[in-house]
Amino acid sequence: MNLILLYLLLLKATATSFSGLTSMPVVYHDFVENRHVLTERQLNAAVTAGRTAPGPNGLYVVSVGYFIAGIPGACVGCLAVITPAFLIIPMLRYLGARASQPAVRSAIQCVMLAASGLVVSATVPLARDALTSPLAVGIAVGSFLFLVLTKKDTIWVVLGSAAAGLAGKLL
């Protein structure tokens, strides 16, 4: 895949999202469904790598670039992740005075709701690929309940899931 096209597609995904994983539906649509240069398993691996590394959730885009075009693709993914940060300052200067207007606030809320719906729509196919055994489903449900019902750090979910996975392999 052409590196410029890869950059533009990843930039579209990162620039149109409010937080890291809200770009996933765009990435899924562009690279898995339309262009077939990334598999669901590779996208799962990229999200996992991005979530386990320290830093923002959107770093999985760097792994997506790597899976598609190797090290140059990872560099392009990194550029796509940092470009919106450089563009936000002029946008905030322009929108800063208008942010308190009801129309602007309503538009932002609508975009956030739409992004939530897109995340759910992209998560379902990825979950079908990842949740292939009762153990995996149990780990997912247990992790969800742990995060919802407690105020513990996510590192405990990672460690608990790893222990449950290892125990499942040993038994």
N, C-alpha and C. Protein backbone atom coordinates (compact mmCIF):
# COMPACT_ATOMS: atom_id res chain seq x y z
N MET A 1 0.85 -1.18 0.00
CA MET A 1 0.00 0.00 0.00
C MET A 1 0.89 1.23 0.00
N ASN A 2 0.49 2.24 -0.74
CA ASN A 2 1.19 3.50 -0.83
C ASN A 2 1.23 4.16 0.56
N LEU A 3 2.39 4.63 0.98
CA LEU A 3 2.54 5.21 2.31
C LEU A 3 1.75 6.50 2.48
N ILE A 4 1.61 7.28 1.41
CA ILE A 4 0.83 8.52 1.52
C ILE A 4 -0.64 8.19 1.73
N LEU A 5 -1.14 7.20 0.99
CA LEU A 5 -2.53 6.78 1.18
C LEU A 5 -2.72 6.21 2.59
N LEU A 6 -1.77 5.42 3.05
CA LEU A 6 -1.83 4.87 4.40
C LEU A 6 -1.90 6.00 5.43
N TYR A 7 -1.04 7.02 5.26
CA TYR A 7 -1.05 8.16 6.18
C TYR A 7 -2.39 8.87 6.15
N LEU A 8 -2.92 9.13 4.97
CA LEU A 8 -4.19 9.86 4.88
C LEU A 8 -5.34 9.07 5.50
N LEU A 9 -5.36 7.76 5.30
CA LEU A 9 -6.42 6.94 5.88
C LEU A 9 -6.30 6.87 7.41
N LEU A 10 -5.07 6.72 7.90
CA LEU A 10 -4.87 6.70 9.35
C LEU A 10 -5.13 8.07 9.96
N LEU A 11 -4.78 9.13 9.24
CA LEU A 11 -5.06 10.48 9.71
C LEU A 11 -6.57 10.71 9.78
N LYS A 12 -7.29 10.21 8.78
CA LYS A 12 -8.76 10.33 8.81
C LYS A 12 -9.31 9.65 10.06
N ALA A 13 -8.78 8.49 10.38
CA ALA A 13 -9.25 7.75 11.54
C ALA A 13 -8.93 8.47 12.84
N THR A 14 -7.71 8.99 12.97
CA THR A 14 -7.33 9.63 14.23
C THR A 14 -7.91 11.02 14.37
N ALA A 15 -8.05 11.73 13.27
CA ALA A 15 -8.55 13.11 13.34
C ALA A 15 -10.06 13.16 13.58
N THR A 16 -10.76 12.11 13.24
CA THR A 16 -12.22 12.11 13.42
C THR A 16 -12.65 11.39 14.68
N SER A 17 -11.73 11.15 15.59
CA SER A 17 -12.08 10.45 16.83
C SER A 17 -11.80 11.34 18.03
N PHE A 18 -12.54 11.09 19.12
CA PHE A 18 -12.36 11.87 20.33
C PHE A 18 -11.38 11.23 21.29
N SER A 19 -11.19 9.94 21.21
CA SER A 19 -10.21 9.27 22.04
C SER A 19 -9.69 8.08 21.25
N GLY A 20 -8.72 7.40 21.80
CA GLY A 20 -8.00 6.37 21.08
C GLY A 20 -8.81 5.35 20.32
N LEU A 21 -9.67 4.62 20.99
CA LEU A 21 -10.36 3.51 20.33
C LEU A 21 -11.58 3.92 19.52
N THR A 22 -11.96 5.18 19.57
CA THR A 22 -13.09 5.58 18.73
C THR A 22 -12.69 5.66 17.26
N SER A 23 -11.41 5.58 16.98
CA SER A 23 -10.96 5.54 15.58
C SER A 23 -11.02 4.12 15.01
N MET A 24 -11.24 3.13 15.86
CA MET A 24 -11.23 1.74 15.42
C MET A 24 -12.27 1.43 14.33
N PRO A 25 -13.49 1.93 14.39
CA PRO A 25 -14.44 1.61 13.31
C PRO A 25 -13.96 2.11 11.95
N VAL A 26 -13.33 3.26 11.92
CA VAL A 26 -12.83 3.79 10.66
C VAL A 26 -11.68 2.92 10.15
N VAL A 27 -10.78 2.54 11.05
CA VAL A 27 -9.67 1.67 10.68
C VAL A 27 -10.20 0.33 10.18
N TYR A 28 -11.16 -0.23 10.90
CA TYR A 28 -11.75 -1.52 10.51
C TYR A 28 -12.38 -1.41 9.11
N HIS A 29 -13.15 -0.37 8.90
CA HIS A 29 -13.84 -0.20 7.61
C HIS A 29 -12.85 -0.02 6.47
N ASP A 30 -11.85 0.85 6.67
CA ASP A 30 -10.91 1.16 5.59
C ASP A 30 -9.95 0.02 5.27
N PHE A 31 -9.42 -0.64 6.31
CA PHE A 31 -8.34 -1.59 6.07
C PHE A 31 -8.77 -3.05 6.08
N VAL A 32 -9.80 -3.39 6.84
CA VAL A 32 -10.26 -4.78 6.90
C VAL A 32 -11.35 -5.04 5.87
N GLU A 33 -12.38 -4.20 5.87
CA GLU A 33 -13.52 -4.43 4.98
C GLU A 33 -13.27 -3.99 3.54
N ASN A 34 -12.79 -2.76 3.34
CA ASN A 34 -12.67 -2.23 1.98
C ASN A 34 -11.41 -2.66 1.25
N ARG A 35 -10.26 -2.47 1.85
CA ARG A 35 -9.00 -2.72 1.14
C ARG A 35 -8.40 -4.10 1.40
N HIS A 36 -8.84 -4.80 2.40
CA HIS A 36 -8.39 -6.16 2.72
C HIS A 36 -6.88 -6.25 2.87
N VAL A 37 -6.26 -5.23 3.47
CA VAL A 37 -4.82 -5.26 3.73
C VAL A 37 -4.51 -5.60 5.18
N LEU A 38 -5.57 -5.78 5.98
CA LEU A 38 -5.43 -6.09 7.39
C LEU A 38 -6.51 -7.09 7.75
N THR A 39 -6.15 -8.10 8.53
CA THR A 39 -7.14 -9.07 8.96
C THR A 39 -7.70 -8.67 10.32
N GLU A 40 -8.82 -9.27 10.70
CA GLU A 40 -9.40 -9.00 12.01
C GLU A 40 -8.43 -9.42 13.11
N ARG A 41 -7.72 -10.52 12.90
CA ARG A 41 -6.76 -10.99 13.89
C ARG A 41 -5.61 -9.98 14.05
N GLN A 42 -5.14 -9.42 12.94
CA GLN A 42 -4.08 -8.42 13.03
C GLN A 42 -4.58 -7.15 13.73
N LEU A 43 -5.83 -6.75 13.45
CA LEU A 43 -6.38 -5.59 14.14
C LEU A 43 -6.52 -5.86 15.63
N ASN A 44 -6.94 -7.07 15.99
CA ASN A 44 -6.99 -7.44 17.41
C ASN A 44 -5.61 -7.35 18.04
N ALA A 45 -4.60 -7.86 17.35
CA ALA A 45 -3.23 -7.82 17.87
C ALA A 45 -2.75 -6.37 18.00
N ALA A 46 -3.10 -5.53 17.04
CA ALA A 46 -2.69 -4.12 17.09
C ALA A 46 -3.35 -3.41 18.27
N VAL A 47 -4.64 -3.67 18.49
CA VAL A 47 -5.33 -3.05 19.62
C VAL A 47 -4.73 -3.55 20.93
N THR A 48 -4.44 -4.84 21.00
CA THR A 48 -3.83 -5.40 22.21
C THR A 48 -2.48 -4.76 22.48
N ALA A 49 -1.67 -4.64 21.44
CA ALA A 49 -0.35 -4.02 21.61
C ALA A 49 -0.49 -2.56 22.04
N GLY A 50 -1.43 -1.85 21.46
CA GLY A 50 -1.64 -0.46 21.81
C GLY A 50 -2.17 -0.29 23.22
N ARG A 51 -2.99 -1.22 23.68
CA ARG A 51 -3.58 -1.12 25.02
C ARG A 51 -2.59 -1.53 26.10
N THR A 52 -1.66 -2.42 25.81
CA THR A 52 -0.72 -2.87 26.83
C THR A 52 0.48 -1.93 26.95
N ALA A 53 0.74 -1.14 25.93
CA ALA A 53 1.85 -0.20 26.00
C ALA A 53 1.42 1.04 26.77
N PRO A 54 2.34 1.66 27.48
CA PRO A 54 1.96 2.90 28.18
C PRO A 54 1.70 4.00 27.17
N GLY A 55 0.81 4.91 27.53
CA GLY A 55 0.50 6.02 26.64
C GLY A 55 -0.95 6.02 26.23
N PRO A 56 -1.29 6.86 25.29
CA PRO A 56 -2.69 6.98 24.87
C PRO A 56 -3.20 5.71 24.18
N ASN A 57 -4.52 5.51 24.24
CA ASN A 57 -5.13 4.33 23.63
C ASN A 57 -4.99 4.30 22.12
N GLY A 58 -4.83 5.44 21.49
CA GLY A 58 -4.75 5.50 20.04
C GLY A 58 -3.44 5.02 19.46
N LEU A 59 -2.51 4.60 20.29
CA LEU A 59 -1.22 4.14 19.76
C LEU A 59 -1.33 2.84 18.98
N TYR A 60 -2.47 2.18 19.04
CA TYR A 60 -2.62 0.96 18.25
C TYR A 60 -2.51 1.26 16.76
N VAL A 61 -2.72 2.51 16.37
CA VAL A 61 -2.62 2.91 14.96
C VAL A 61 -1.19 2.68 14.45
N VAL A 62 -0.20 2.83 15.32
CA VAL A 62 1.19 2.58 14.93
C VAL A 62 1.35 1.10 14.58
N SER A 63 0.75 0.21 15.36
CA SER A 63 0.81 -1.23 15.06
C SER A 63 0.06 -1.56 13.78
N VAL A 64 -1.05 -0.89 13.54
CA VAL A 64 -1.79 -1.09 12.28
C VAL A 64 -0.89 -0.74 11.10
N GLY A 65 -0.22 0.41 11.19
CA GLY A 65 0.71 0.79 10.13
C GLY A 65 1.81 -0.22 9.94
N TYR A 66 2.31 -0.78 11.05
CA TYR A 66 3.37 -1.80 10.96
C TYR A 66 2.86 -3.06 10.26
N PHE A 67 1.66 -3.52 10.64
CA PHE A 67 1.12 -4.72 10.00
C PHE A 67 0.91 -4.52 8.50
N ILE A 68 0.60 -3.32 8.10
CA ILE A 68 0.31 -3.07 6.68
C ILE A 68 1.58 -2.83 5.87
N ALA A 69 2.54 -2.06 6.41
CA ALA A 69 3.70 -1.68 5.60
C ALA A 69 5.03 -1.77 6.34
N GLY A 70 5.11 -2.55 7.39
CA GLY A 70 6.37 -2.72 8.10
C GLY A 70 6.78 -1.48 8.87
N ILE A 71 8.09 -1.28 9.02
CA ILE A 71 8.60 -0.15 9.79
C ILE A 71 8.22 1.19 9.17
N PRO A 72 8.29 1.37 7.85
CA PRO A 72 7.80 2.64 7.29
C PRO A 72 6.32 2.88 7.61
N GLY A 73 5.53 1.83 7.62
CA GLY A 73 4.11 1.96 7.97
C GLY A 73 3.92 2.37 9.43
N ALA A 74 4.78 1.84 10.32
CA ALA A 74 4.71 2.23 11.72
C ALA A 74 5.06 3.71 11.89
N CYS A 75 6.05 4.18 11.14
CA CYS A 75 6.41 5.61 11.19
C CYS A 75 5.25 6.47 10.68
N VAL A 76 4.59 6.02 9.61
CA VAL A 76 3.44 6.74 9.07
C VAL A 76 2.31 6.74 10.11
N GLY A 77 2.10 5.60 10.78
CA GLY A 77 1.08 5.53 11.83
C GLY A 77 1.38 6.49 12.97
N CYS A 78 2.64 6.60 13.33
CA CYS A 78 3.04 7.54 14.40
C CYS A 78 2.75 8.97 13.97
N LEU A 79 3.06 9.32 12.73
CA LEU A 79 2.76 10.66 12.23
C LEU A 79 1.25 10.92 12.23
N ALA A 80 0.48 9.91 11.86
CA ALA A 80 -0.98 10.08 11.84
C ALA A 80 -1.54 10.28 13.24
N VAL A 81 -0.90 9.68 14.24
CA VAL A 81 -1.37 9.84 15.62
C VAL A 81 -1.05 11.24 16.14
N ILE A 82 0.11 11.79 15.80
CA ILE A 82 0.50 13.08 16.38
C ILE A 82 0.00 14.28 15.58
N THR A 83 -0.37 14.10 14.33
CA THR A 83 -0.82 15.23 13.52
C THR A 83 -2.02 15.96 14.13
N PRO A 84 -3.08 15.28 14.60
CA PRO A 84 -4.21 16.02 15.18
C PRO A 84 -3.82 16.87 16.39
N ALA A 85 -2.82 16.44 17.14
CA ALA A 85 -2.39 17.23 18.30
C ALA A 85 -1.82 18.58 17.85
N PHE A 86 -1.17 18.60 16.71
CA PHE A 86 -0.64 19.86 16.20
C PHE A 86 -1.73 20.75 15.60
N LEU A 87 -2.82 20.13 15.18
CA LEU A 87 -3.92 20.90 14.59
C LEU A 87 -4.92 21.40 15.62
N ILE A 88 -4.92 20.83 16.81
CA ILE A 88 -5.94 21.17 17.80
C ILE A 88 -5.77 22.60 18.34
N ILE A 89 -4.55 23.09 18.42
CA ILE A 89 -4.31 24.44 18.98
C ILE A 89 -5.02 25.51 18.14
N PRO A 90 -4.83 25.53 16.82
CA PRO A 90 -5.57 26.54 16.05
C PRO A 90 -7.09 26.33 16.11
N MET A 91 -7.52 25.08 16.17
CA MET A 91 -8.96 24.81 16.25
C MET A 91 -9.53 25.32 17.58
N LEU A 92 -8.81 25.10 18.67
CA LEU A 92 -9.28 25.58 19.97
C LEU A 92 -9.31 27.11 20.01
N ARG A 93 -8.36 27.72 19.37
CA ARG A 93 -8.35 29.18 19.32
C ARG A 93 -9.58 29.69 18.58
N TYR A 94 -9.93 29.01 17.50
CA TYR A 94 -11.09 29.43 16.72
C TYR A 94 -12.40 29.09 17.44
N LEU A 95 -12.50 27.88 17.97
CA LEU A 95 -13.75 27.43 18.60
C LEU A 95 -13.88 27.80 20.06
N GLY A 96 -12.80 28.24 20.69
CA GLY A 96 -12.80 28.50 22.13
C GLY A 96 -13.91 29.44 22.57
N ALA A 97 -14.09 30.52 21.86
CA ALA A 97 -15.12 31.48 22.23
C ALA A 97 -16.52 30.97 21.92
N ARG A 98 -16.62 30.05 20.97
CA ARG A 98 -17.93 29.55 20.56
C ARG A 98 -18.36 28.29 21.30
N ALA A 99 -17.47 27.70 22.09
CA ALA A 99 -17.76 26.42 22.74
C ALA A 99 -18.90 26.49 23.73
N SER A 100 -19.18 27.67 24.26
CA SER A 100 -20.26 27.77 25.23
C SER A 100 -21.63 27.94 24.57
N GLN A 101 -21.66 28.10 23.27
CA GLN A 101 -22.94 28.24 22.57
C GLN A 101 -23.66 26.90 22.55
N PRO A 102 -24.97 26.91 22.77
CA PRO A 102 -25.73 25.64 22.82
C PRO A 102 -25.62 24.82 21.53
N ALA A 103 -25.57 25.44 20.39
CA ALA A 103 -25.49 24.68 19.13
C ALA A 103 -24.17 23.92 19.04
N VAL A 104 -23.09 24.54 19.46
CA VAL A 104 -21.78 23.88 19.41
C VAL A 104 -21.75 22.74 20.41
N ARG A 105 -22.27 22.96 21.61
CA ARG A 105 -22.30 21.89 22.62
C ARG A 105 -23.15 20.72 22.16
N SER A 106 -24.28 21.00 21.54
CA SER A 106 -25.15 19.93 21.04
C SER A 106 -24.46 19.14 19.93
N ALA A 107 -23.76 19.85 19.06
CA ALA A 107 -23.05 19.16 17.98
C ALA A 107 -21.96 18.25 18.54
N ILE A 108 -21.24 18.71 19.55
CA ILE A 108 -20.20 17.89 20.17
C ILE A 108 -20.81 16.65 20.82
N GLN A 109 -21.94 16.81 21.51
CA GLN A 109 -22.60 15.66 22.12
C GLN A 109 -23.08 14.66 21.07
N CYS A 110 -23.59 15.15 19.95
CA CYS A 110 -24.04 14.26 18.88
C CYS A 110 -22.87 13.47 18.29
N VAL A 111 -21.75 14.15 18.09
CA VAL A 111 -20.58 13.47 17.55
C VAL A 111 -20.09 12.41 18.53
N MET A 112 -20.12 12.71 19.82
CA MET A 112 -19.69 11.72 20.81
C MET A 112 -20.61 10.50 20.82
N LEU A 113 -21.91 10.72 20.71
CA LEU A 113 -22.85 9.59 20.64
C LEU A 113 -22.64 8.76 19.38
N ALA A 114 -22.42 9.42 18.26
CA ALA A 114 -22.16 8.70 17.02
C ALA A 114 -20.87 7.89 17.11
N ALA A 115 -19.85 8.46 17.73
CA ALA A 115 -18.59 7.74 17.90
C ALA A 115 -18.78 6.52 18.79
N SER A 116 -19.61 6.64 19.82
CA SER A 116 -19.88 5.48 20.67
C SER A 116 -20.56 4.37 19.89
N GLY A 117 -21.51 4.73 19.05
CA GLY A 117 -22.17 3.73 18.21
C GLY A 117 -21.21 3.06 17.25
N LEU A 118 -20.28 3.84 16.68
CA LEU A 118 -19.29 3.27 15.77
C LEU A 118 -18.35 2.30 16.49
N VAL A 119 -17.98 2.64 17.72
CA VAL A 119 -17.10 1.74 18.49
C VAL A 119 -17.80 0.41 18.74
N VAL A 120 -19.07 0.47 19.11
CA VAL A 120 -19.82 -0.77 19.34
C VAL A 120 -19.92 -1.58 18.05
N SER A 121 -20.19 -0.91 16.93
CA SER A 121 -20.34 -1.64 15.66
C SER A 121 -19.03 -2.28 15.21
N ALA A 122 -17.89 -1.70 15.56
CA ALA A 122 -16.61 -2.30 15.20
C ALA A 122 -16.18 -3.35 16.20
N THR A 123 -16.66 -3.27 17.43
CA THR A 123 -16.27 -4.21 18.47
C THR A 123 -16.89 -5.58 18.26
N VAL A 124 -18.11 -5.62 17.74
CA VAL A 124 -18.81 -6.90 17.59
C VAL A 124 -18.03 -7.88 16.71
N PRO A 125 -17.59 -7.50 15.49
CA PRO A 125 -16.81 -8.46 14.69
C PRO A 125 -15.49 -8.86 15.34
N LEU A 126 -14.85 -7.91 16.01
CA LEU A 126 -13.58 -8.23 16.68
C LEU A 126 -13.81 -9.17 17.85
N ALA A 127 -14.91 -8.98 18.57
CA ALA A 127 -15.23 -9.86 19.69
C ALA A 127 -15.51 -11.27 19.19
N ARG A 128 -16.20 -11.39 18.06
CA ARG A 128 -16.46 -12.72 17.49
C ARG A 128 -15.16 -13.45 17.18
N ASP A 129 -14.16 -12.70 16.72
CA ASP A 129 -12.87 -13.30 16.39
C ASP A 129 -12.08 -13.65 17.64
N ALA A 130 -12.20 -12.84 18.70
CA ALA A 130 -11.37 -13.03 19.90
C ALA A 130 -12.00 -13.97 20.91
N LEU A 131 -13.32 -13.97 21.02
CA LEU A 131 -13.99 -14.77 22.05
C LEU A 131 -14.40 -16.12 21.47
N THR A 132 -13.43 -17.01 21.37
CA THR A 132 -13.66 -18.29 20.71
C THR A 132 -13.81 -19.46 21.68
N SER A 133 -13.62 -19.23 22.96
CA SER A 133 -13.73 -20.32 23.93
C SER A 133 -14.46 -19.81 25.18
N PRO A 134 -14.99 -20.75 25.97
CA PRO A 134 -15.63 -20.32 27.23
C PRO A 134 -14.68 -19.57 28.16
N LEU A 135 -13.41 -19.96 28.16
CA LEU A 135 -12.43 -19.28 28.99
C LEU A 135 -12.28 -17.82 28.55
N ALA A 136 -12.18 -17.58 27.25
CA ALA A 136 -12.04 -16.20 26.74
C ALA A 136 -13.27 -15.37 27.08
N VAL A 137 -14.45 -15.96 26.96
CA VAL A 137 -15.69 -15.25 27.31
C VAL A 137 -15.71 -14.95 28.81
N GLY A 138 -15.30 -15.92 29.62
CA GLY A 138 -15.25 -15.72 31.07
C GLY A 138 -14.28 -14.61 31.46
N ILE A 139 -13.12 -14.58 30.81
CA ILE A 139 -12.14 -13.53 31.08
C ILE A 139 -12.71 -12.17 30.70
N ALA A 140 -13.38 -12.09 29.55
CA ALA A 140 -13.95 -10.82 29.10
C ALA A 140 -15.05 -10.33 30.04
N VAL A 141 -15.95 -11.23 30.43
CA VAL A 141 -17.03 -10.86 31.34
C VAL A 141 -16.48 -10.49 32.71
N GLY A 142 -15.54 -11.29 33.22
CA GLY A 142 -14.94 -10.99 34.51
C GLY A 142 -14.19 -9.66 34.51
N SER A 143 -13.47 -9.38 33.44
CA SER A 143 -12.75 -8.11 33.33
C SER A 143 -13.72 -6.94 33.31
N PHE A 144 -14.79 -7.09 32.53
CA PHE A 144 -15.80 -6.03 32.46
C PHE A 144 -16.41 -5.76 33.84
N LEU A 145 -16.82 -6.82 34.50
CA LEU A 145 -17.42 -6.65 35.82
C LEU A 145 -16.44 -6.06 36.83
N PHE A 146 -15.20 -6.50 36.77
CA PHE A 146 -14.17 -5.98 37.66
C PHE A 146 -13.99 -4.48 37.46
N LEU A 147 -13.93 -4.04 36.20
CA LEU A 147 -13.73 -2.62 35.93
C LEU A 147 -14.95 -1.79 36.29
N VAL A 148 -16.14 -2.35 36.09
CA VAL A 148 -17.36 -1.60 36.38
C VAL A 148 -17.61 -1.50 37.89
N LEU A 149 -17.34 -2.59 38.61
CA LEU A 149 -17.71 -2.64 40.02
C LEU A 149 -16.62 -2.17 40.98
N THR A 150 -15.40 -2.02 40.51
CA THR A 150 -14.32 -1.57 41.39
C THR A 150 -13.67 -0.33 40.80
N LYS A 151 -12.80 0.26 41.57
CA LYS A 151 -12.05 1.42 41.09
C LYS A 151 -10.56 1.09 41.04
N LYS A 152 -10.27 -0.13 40.68
CA LYS A 152 -8.88 -0.58 40.60
C LYS A 152 -8.30 -0.23 39.23
N ASP A 153 -6.98 -0.21 39.16
CA ASP A 153 -6.29 0.07 37.90
C ASP A 153 -6.47 -1.08 36.92
N THR A 154 -6.38 -0.77 35.65
CA THR A 154 -6.53 -1.79 34.62
C THR A 154 -5.38 -2.80 34.62
N ILE A 155 -4.27 -2.48 35.26
CA ILE A 155 -3.16 -3.44 35.32
C ILE A 155 -3.61 -4.73 35.99
N TRP A 156 -4.54 -4.64 36.94
CA TRP A 156 -5.04 -5.84 37.63
C TRP A 156 -5.86 -6.69 36.67
N VAL A 157 -6.54 -6.07 35.73
CA VAL A 157 -7.28 -6.82 34.71
C VAL A 157 -6.30 -7.56 33.80
N VAL A 158 -5.24 -6.86 33.40
CA VAL A 158 -4.24 -7.49 32.54
C VAL A 158 -3.59 -8.67 33.25
N LEU A 159 -3.18 -8.46 34.50
CA LEU A 159 -2.52 -9.54 35.25
C LEU A 159 -3.47 -10.70 35.53
N GLY A 160 -4.71 -10.39 35.92
CA GLY A 160 -5.69 -11.44 36.17
C GLY A 160 -6.04 -12.22 34.92
N SER A 161 -6.18 -11.52 33.80
CA SER A 161 -6.48 -12.19 32.53
C SER A 161 -5.32 -13.08 32.10
N ALA A 162 -4.10 -12.59 32.28
CA ALA A 162 -2.93 -13.40 31.94
C ALA A 162 -2.86 -14.65 32.80
N ALA A 163 -3.14 -14.49 34.10
CA ALA A 163 -3.11 -15.66 35.00
C ALA A 163 -4.21 -16.65 34.63
N ALA A 164 -5.40 -16.17 34.32
CA ALA A 164 -6.49 -17.06 33.94
C ALA A 164 -6.18 -17.76 32.61
N GLY A 165 -5.59 -17.04 31.68
CA GLY A 165 -5.22 -17.65 30.40
C GLY A 165 -4.16 -18.73 30.56
N LEU A 166 -3.15 -18.44 31.39
CA LEU A 166 -2.10 -19.43 31.65
C LEU A 166 -2.65 -20.65 32.37
N ALA A 167 -3.52 -20.40 33.35
CA ALA A 167 -4.13 -21.52 34.08
C ALA A 167 -4.98 -22.38 33.13
N GLY A 168 -5.68 -21.72 32.21
CA GLY A 168 -6.47 -22.47 31.23
C GLY A 168 -5.62 -23.32 30.30
N LYS A 169 -4.45 -22.81 29.94
CA LYS A 169 -3.55 -23.58 29.08
C LYS A 169 -2.93 -24.76 29.81
N LEU A 170 -2.65 -24.58 31.11
CA LEU A 170 -2.03 -25.64 31.88
C LEU A 170 -3.00 -26.76 32.24
N LEU A 171 -4.27 -26.43 32.33
CA LEU A 171 -5.26 -27.44 32.73
C LEU A 171 -5.77 -28.19 31.57
